[in-house]
Amino acid sequence: MRQLLSALVVLLAAACSTYGPSNGGNGYVEEQIDERIYVVEGRAATEPTARAIALVRAAEIARMNGYTHLIILELTSGHRVVTETLNAPFMETYGSTGAFGQPVQHGQVSKLTTNQDAPPVVQVRVELADAETAAARNGVSIEDVFRRYGAKIGYRG
């Protein structure tokens, strides 16, 4: 019975893991900016989990490219900003109309809103580095990142 319960706990933990590429939901999205500069975005139900996802993915990218350290250039967190552009142009009349009585067109309306219902997003911009460069610029070891954040998100790399 204990073995069955243990197996069930392991399966549930694996199913709840949020680590992996995001397809619009939880997970990570990455973009290479320069040869050694990446922006990684983590999305999850909580801000600490989103941060862990972003940092672990950045460490994983460093490892895949033969680097041992990260230099964190910027870390931001918040909720996704949603931009909605209405399909129809914004039509408005200022006391008169255009040719043949048609309303005058003044462009499209865009609406910016912060989606507080969306999961938290953490974005980290990092530079991949070797140990010598990292020591000179306050870098962090990717192994330290894996140890500190990997278990929180079910990372098994």
C-alpha atoms as a PDB file:
ATOM      1  CA  MET A   1       0.000   0.000   0.000  1.00  0.00           C
ATOM      2  CA  ARG A   2       2.839   2.410   0.821  1.00  0.00           C
ATOM      3  CA  GLN A   3       4.488   1.667  -2.528  1.00  0.00           C
ATOM      4  CA  LEU A   4       1.262   2.424  -4.356  1.00  0.00           C
ATOM      5  CA  LEU A   5       0.847   5.677  -2.433  1.00  0.00           C
ATOM      6  CA  SER A   6       4.466   6.647  -3.143  1.00  0.00           C
ATOM      7  CA  ALA A   7       4.011   5.921  -6.844  1.00  0.00           C
ATOM      8  CA  LEU A   8       0.855   8.028  -6.892  1.00  0.00           C
ATOM      9  CA  VAL A   9       2.647  10.963  -5.242  1.00  0.00           C
ATOM     10  CA  VAL A  10       5.462  10.760  -7.821  1.00  0.00           C
ATOM     11  CA  LEU A  11       2.974  10.672 -10.700  1.00  0.00           C
ATOM     12  CA  LEU A  12       1.052  13.649  -9.313  1.00  0.00           C
ATOM     13  CA  ALA A  13       4.259  15.634  -8.849  1.00  0.00           C
ATOM     14  CA  ALA A  14       5.287  14.913 -12.436  1.00  0.00           C
ATOM     15  CA  ALA A  15       1.867  15.936 -13.726  1.00  0.00           C
ATOM     16  CA  CYS A  16       2.025  19.218 -11.797  1.00  0.00           C
ATOM     17  CA  SER A  17       5.460  20.129 -13.121  1.00  0.00           C
ATOM     18  CA  THR A  18       5.352  23.457 -14.923  1.00  0.00           C
ATOM     19  CA  TYR A  19       8.785  23.185 -16.512  1.00  0.00           C
ATOM     20  CA  GLY A  20       8.802  23.006 -20.272  1.00  0.00           C
ATOM     21  CA  PRO A  21       8.148  25.202 -23.297  1.00  0.00           C
ATOM     22  CA  SER A  22       5.105  27.440 -23.024  1.00  0.00           C
ATOM     23  CA  ASN A  23       2.374  27.084 -25.589  1.00  0.00           C
ATOM     24  CA  GLY A  24       0.562  30.136 -24.310  1.00  0.00           C
ATOM     25  CA  GLY A  25       0.315  28.781 -20.741  1.00  0.00           C
ATOM     26  CA  ASN A  26       2.815  27.912 -18.041  1.00  0.00           C
ATOM     27  CA  GLY A  27       6.423  27.228 -18.966  1.00  0.00           C
ATOM     28  CA  TYR A  28       9.170  29.212 -20.677  1.00  0.00           C
ATOM     29  CA  VAL A  29       9.751  31.247 -23.805  1.00  0.00           C
ATOM     30  CA  GLU A  30      13.246  32.252 -24.880  1.00  0.00           C
ATOM     31  CA  GLU A  31      14.828  34.587 -27.383  1.00  0.00           C
ATOM     32  CA  GLN A  32      18.486  34.878 -28.356  1.00  0.00           C
ATOM     33  CA  ILE A  33      19.446  38.560 -28.531  1.00  0.00           C
ATOM     34  CA  ASP A  34      23.173  38.275 -29.222  1.00  0.00           C
ATOM     35  CA  GLU A  35      25.786  35.527 -29.320  1.00  0.00           C
ATOM     36  CA  ARG A  36      25.769  35.198 -25.520  1.00  0.00           C
ATOM     37  CA  ILE A  37      22.702  37.251 -24.514  1.00  0.00           C
ATOM     38  CA  TYR A  38      19.320  35.621 -24.016  1.00  0.00           C
ATOM     39  CA  VAL A  39      15.948  36.766 -22.720  1.00  0.00           C
ATOM     40  CA  VAL A  40      13.987  34.005 -21.016  1.00  0.00           C
ATOM     41  CA  GLU A  41      10.425  34.404 -19.811  1.00  0.00           C
ATOM     42  CA  GLY A  42       8.933  32.116 -17.179  1.00  0.00           C
ATOM     43  CA  ARG A  43       5.170  31.759 -16.672  1.00  0.00           C
ATOM     44  CA  ALA A  44       3.520  29.946 -13.769  1.00  0.00           C
ATOM     45  CA  ALA A  45       0.750  30.152 -11.187  1.00  0.00           C
ATOM     46  CA  THR A  46       3.018  32.046  -8.756  1.00  0.00           C
ATOM     47  CA  GLU A  47       5.806  34.582  -9.187  1.00  0.00           C
ATOM     48  CA  PRO A  48       8.450  32.477  -7.373  1.00  0.00           C
ATOM     49  CA  THR A  49       7.712  29.513  -9.663  1.00  0.00           C
ATOM     50  CA  ALA A  50       7.841  31.737 -12.765  1.00  0.00           C
ATOM     51  CA  ARG A  51      11.234  33.049 -11.584  1.00  0.00           C
ATOM     52  CA  ALA A  52      12.525  29.513 -11.038  1.00  0.00           C
ATOM     53  CA  ILE A  53      11.394  28.476 -14.529  1.00  0.00           C
ATOM     54  CA  ALA A  54      13.118  31.467 -16.160  1.00  0.00           C
ATOM     55  CA  LEU A  55      16.389  30.996 -14.257  1.00  0.00           C
ATOM     56  CA  VAL A  56      16.562  27.220 -14.734  1.00  0.00           C
ATOM     57  CA  ARG A  57      15.941  27.585 -18.469  1.00  0.00           C
ATOM     58  CA  ALA A  58      18.668  30.249 -18.681  1.00  0.00           C
ATOM     59  CA  ALA A  59      21.068  27.876 -16.884  1.00  0.00           C
ATOM     60  CA  GLU A  60      20.063  25.068 -19.232  1.00  0.00           C
ATOM     61  CA  ILE A  61      20.821  27.284 -22.266  1.00  0.00           C
ATOM     62  CA  ALA A  62      24.224  28.126 -20.776  1.00  0.00           C
ATOM     63  CA  ARG A  63      25.009  24.440 -20.282  1.00  0.00           C
ATOM     64  CA  MET A  64      23.913  23.560 -23.856  1.00  0.00           C
ATOM     65  CA  ASN A  65      26.280  26.229 -25.185  1.00  0.00           C
ATOM     66  CA  GLY A  66      29.271  25.131 -23.091  1.00  0.00           C
ATOM     67  CA  TYR A  67      29.149  27.882 -20.458  1.00  0.00           C
ATOM     68  CA  THR A  68      29.300  27.382 -16.706  1.00  0.00           C
ATOM     69  CA  HIS A  69      27.922  30.670 -15.402  1.00  0.00           C
ATOM     70  CA  LEU A  70      25.242  33.305 -15.933  1.00  0.00           C
ATOM     71  CA  ILE A  71      25.464  37.033 -15.501  1.00  0.00           C
ATOM     72  CA  ILE A  72      21.995  38.338 -14.741  1.00  0.00           C
ATOM     73  CA  LEU A  73      21.645  41.623 -16.603  1.00  0.00           C
ATOM     74  CA  GLU A  74      17.998  42.280 -15.774  1.00  0.00           C
ATOM     75  CA  LEU A  75      15.129  40.531 -14.004  1.00  0.00           C
ATOM     76  CA  THR A  76      11.561  41.838 -14.163  1.00  0.00           C
ATOM     77  CA  SER A  77       8.258  40.421 -13.003  1.00  0.00           C
ATOM     78  CA  GLY A  78       4.593  41.216 -13.354  1.00  0.00           C
ATOM     79  CA  HIS A  79       1.508  40.234 -15.332  1.00  0.00           C
ATOM     80  CA  ARG A  80       1.096  40.108 -19.083  1.00  0.00           C
ATOM     81  CA  VAL A  81       0.070  43.368 -20.750  1.00  0.00           C
ATOM     82  CA  VAL A  82      -2.642  42.734 -23.303  1.00  0.00           C
ATOM     83  CA  THR A  83      -3.107  44.958 -26.350  1.00  0.00           C
ATOM     84  CA  GLU A  84      -6.446  44.785 -28.107  1.00  0.00           C
ATOM     85  CA  THR A  85      -6.964  46.488 -31.441  1.00  0.00           C
ATOM     86  CA  LEU A  86     -10.566  46.753 -32.458  1.00  0.00           C
ATOM     87  CA  ASN A  87     -11.341  45.241 -35.862  1.00  0.00           C
ATOM     88  CA  ALA A  88     -13.319  48.229 -37.074  1.00  0.00           C
ATOM     89  CA  PRO A  89     -11.687  51.636 -37.492  1.00  0.00           C
ATOM     90  CA  PHE A  90     -12.714  54.216 -34.931  1.00  0.00           C
ATOM     91  CA  MET A  91     -15.308  56.431 -36.545  1.00  0.00           C
ATOM     92  CA  GLU A  92     -16.160  59.804 -35.104  1.00  0.00           C
ATOM     93  CA  THR A  93     -17.936  62.876 -36.340  1.00  0.00           C
ATOM     94  CA  TYR A  94     -17.127  66.376 -35.138  1.00  0.00           C
ATOM     95  CA  GLY A  95     -20.376  68.168 -35.957  1.00  0.00           C
ATOM     96  CA  SER A  96     -19.953  67.522 -39.655  1.00  0.00           C
ATOM     97  CA  THR A  97     -19.431  64.585 -41.899  1.00  0.00           C
ATOM     98  CA  GLY A  98     -17.036  63.750 -44.652  1.00  0.00           C
ATOM     99  CA  ALA A  99     -18.002  63.501 -48.298  1.00  0.00           C
ATOM    100  CA  PHE A 100     -21.531  62.283 -48.920  1.00  0.00           C
ATOM    101  CA  GLY A 101     -22.454  62.352 -45.232  1.00  0.00           C
ATOM    102  CA  GLN A 102     -19.993  59.606 -44.133  1.00  0.00           C
ATOM    103  CA  PRO A 103     -18.351  59.808 -40.693  1.00  0.00           C
ATOM    104  CA  VAL A 104     -14.711  60.946 -40.659  1.00  0.00           C
ATOM    105  CA  GLN A 105     -12.250  58.119 -39.911  1.00  0.00           C
ATOM    106  CA  HIS A 106      -9.572  58.850 -37.320  1.00  0.00           C
ATOM    107  CA  GLY A 107      -7.664  55.537 -37.137  1.00  0.00           C
ATOM    108  CA  GLN A 108      -7.950  52.396 -35.053  1.00  0.00           C
ATOM    109  CA  VAL A 109      -8.507  52.169 -31.319  1.00  0.00           C
ATOM    110  CA  SER A 110      -6.007  50.197 -29.248  1.00  0.00           C
ATOM    111  CA  LYS A 111      -6.732  49.236 -25.675  1.00  0.00           C
ATOM    112  CA  LEU A 112      -3.872  48.371 -23.284  1.00  0.00           C
ATOM    113  CA  THR A 113      -4.764  46.470 -20.144  1.00  0.00           C
ATOM    114  CA  THR A 114      -2.798  44.566 -17.559  1.00  0.00           C
ATOM    115  CA  ASN A 115      -4.348  41.146 -17.304  1.00  0.00           C
ATOM    116  CA  GLN A 116      -4.325  40.475 -13.549  1.00  0.00           C
ATOM    117  CA  ASP A 117      -6.017  37.136 -14.208  1.00  0.00           C
ATOM    118  CA  ALA A 118      -3.094  35.993 -16.346  1.00  0.00           C
ATOM    119  CA  PRO A 119      -0.368  34.006 -14.622  1.00  0.00           C
ATOM    120  CA  PRO A 120       2.632  35.942 -13.330  1.00  0.00           C
ATOM    121  CA  VAL A 121       5.464  36.421 -15.797  1.00  0.00           C
ATOM    122  CA  VAL A 122       9.150  36.759 -14.923  1.00  0.00           C
ATOM    123  CA  GLN A 123      11.586  37.834 -17.590  1.00  0.00           C
ATOM    124  CA  VAL A 124      15.327  37.501 -17.146  1.00  0.00           C
ATOM    125  CA  ARG A 125      17.988  38.847 -19.501  1.00  0.00           C
ATOM    126  CA  VAL A 126      21.253  36.965 -19.052  1.00  0.00           C
ATOM    127  CA  GLU A 127      24.716  36.782 -20.498  1.00  0.00           C
ATOM    128  CA  LEU A 128      26.286  33.330 -20.779  1.00  0.00           C
ATOM    129  CA  ALA A 129      29.761  33.329 -19.237  1.00  0.00           C
ATOM    130  CA  ASP A 130      32.730  31.232 -18.241  1.00  0.00           C
ATOM    131  CA  ALA A 131      33.967  31.144 -14.633  1.00  0.00           C
ATOM    132  CA  GLU A 132      36.613  33.843 -15.114  1.00  0.00           C
ATOM    133  CA  THR A 133      34.245  36.362 -16.701  1.00  0.00           C
ATOM    134  CA  ALA A 134      31.530  35.585 -14.168  1.00  0.00           C
ATOM    135  CA  ALA A 135      33.869  36.129 -11.211  1.00  0.00           C
ATOM    136  CA  ALA A 136      34.788  39.574 -12.509  1.00  0.00           C
ATOM    137  CA  ARG A 137      31.133  40.565 -13.020  1.00  0.00           C
ATOM    138  CA  ASN A 138      29.250  38.911 -10.130  1.00  0.00           C
ATOM    139  CA  GLY A 139      27.960  35.958 -12.128  1.00  0.00           C
ATOM    140  CA  VAL A 140      26.274  32.884 -10.738  1.00  0.00           C
ATOM    141  CA  SER A 141      27.164  29.241 -11.343  1.00  0.00           C
ATOM    142  CA  ILE A 142      24.581  27.330 -13.354  1.00  0.00           C
ATOM    143  CA  GLU A 143      24.996  24.431 -10.927  1.00  0.00           C
ATOM    144  CA  ASP A 144      23.933  26.761  -8.102  1.00  0.00           C
ATOM    145  CA  VAL A 145      20.853  27.725 -10.126  1.00  0.00           C
ATOM    146  CA  PHE A 146      19.947  24.063 -10.700  1.00  0.00           C
ATOM    147  CA  ARG A 147      20.413  23.266  -6.985  1.00  0.00           C
ATOM    148  CA  ARG A 148      18.468  26.264  -5.736  1.00  0.00           C
ATOM    149  CA  TYR A 149      15.558  26.309  -8.203  1.00  0.00           C
ATOM    150  CA  GLY A 150      15.427  22.973 -10.033  1.00  0.00           C
ATOM    151  CA  ALA A 151      13.545  20.955  -7.414  1.00  0.00           C
ATOM    152  CA  LYS A 152      10.930  23.712  -7.009  1.00  0.00           C
ATOM    153  CA  ILE A 153       9.752  23.172 -10.586  1.00  0.00           C
ATOM    154  CA  GLY A 154      10.352  19.457 -11.028  1.00  0.00           C
ATOM    155  CA  TYR A 155      13.447  19.932 -13.198  1.00  0.00           C
ATOM    156  CA  ARG A 156      15.273  16.680 -13.875  1.00  0.00           C
ATOM    157  CA  GLY A 157      18.049  17.754 -16.246  1.00  0.00           C
END
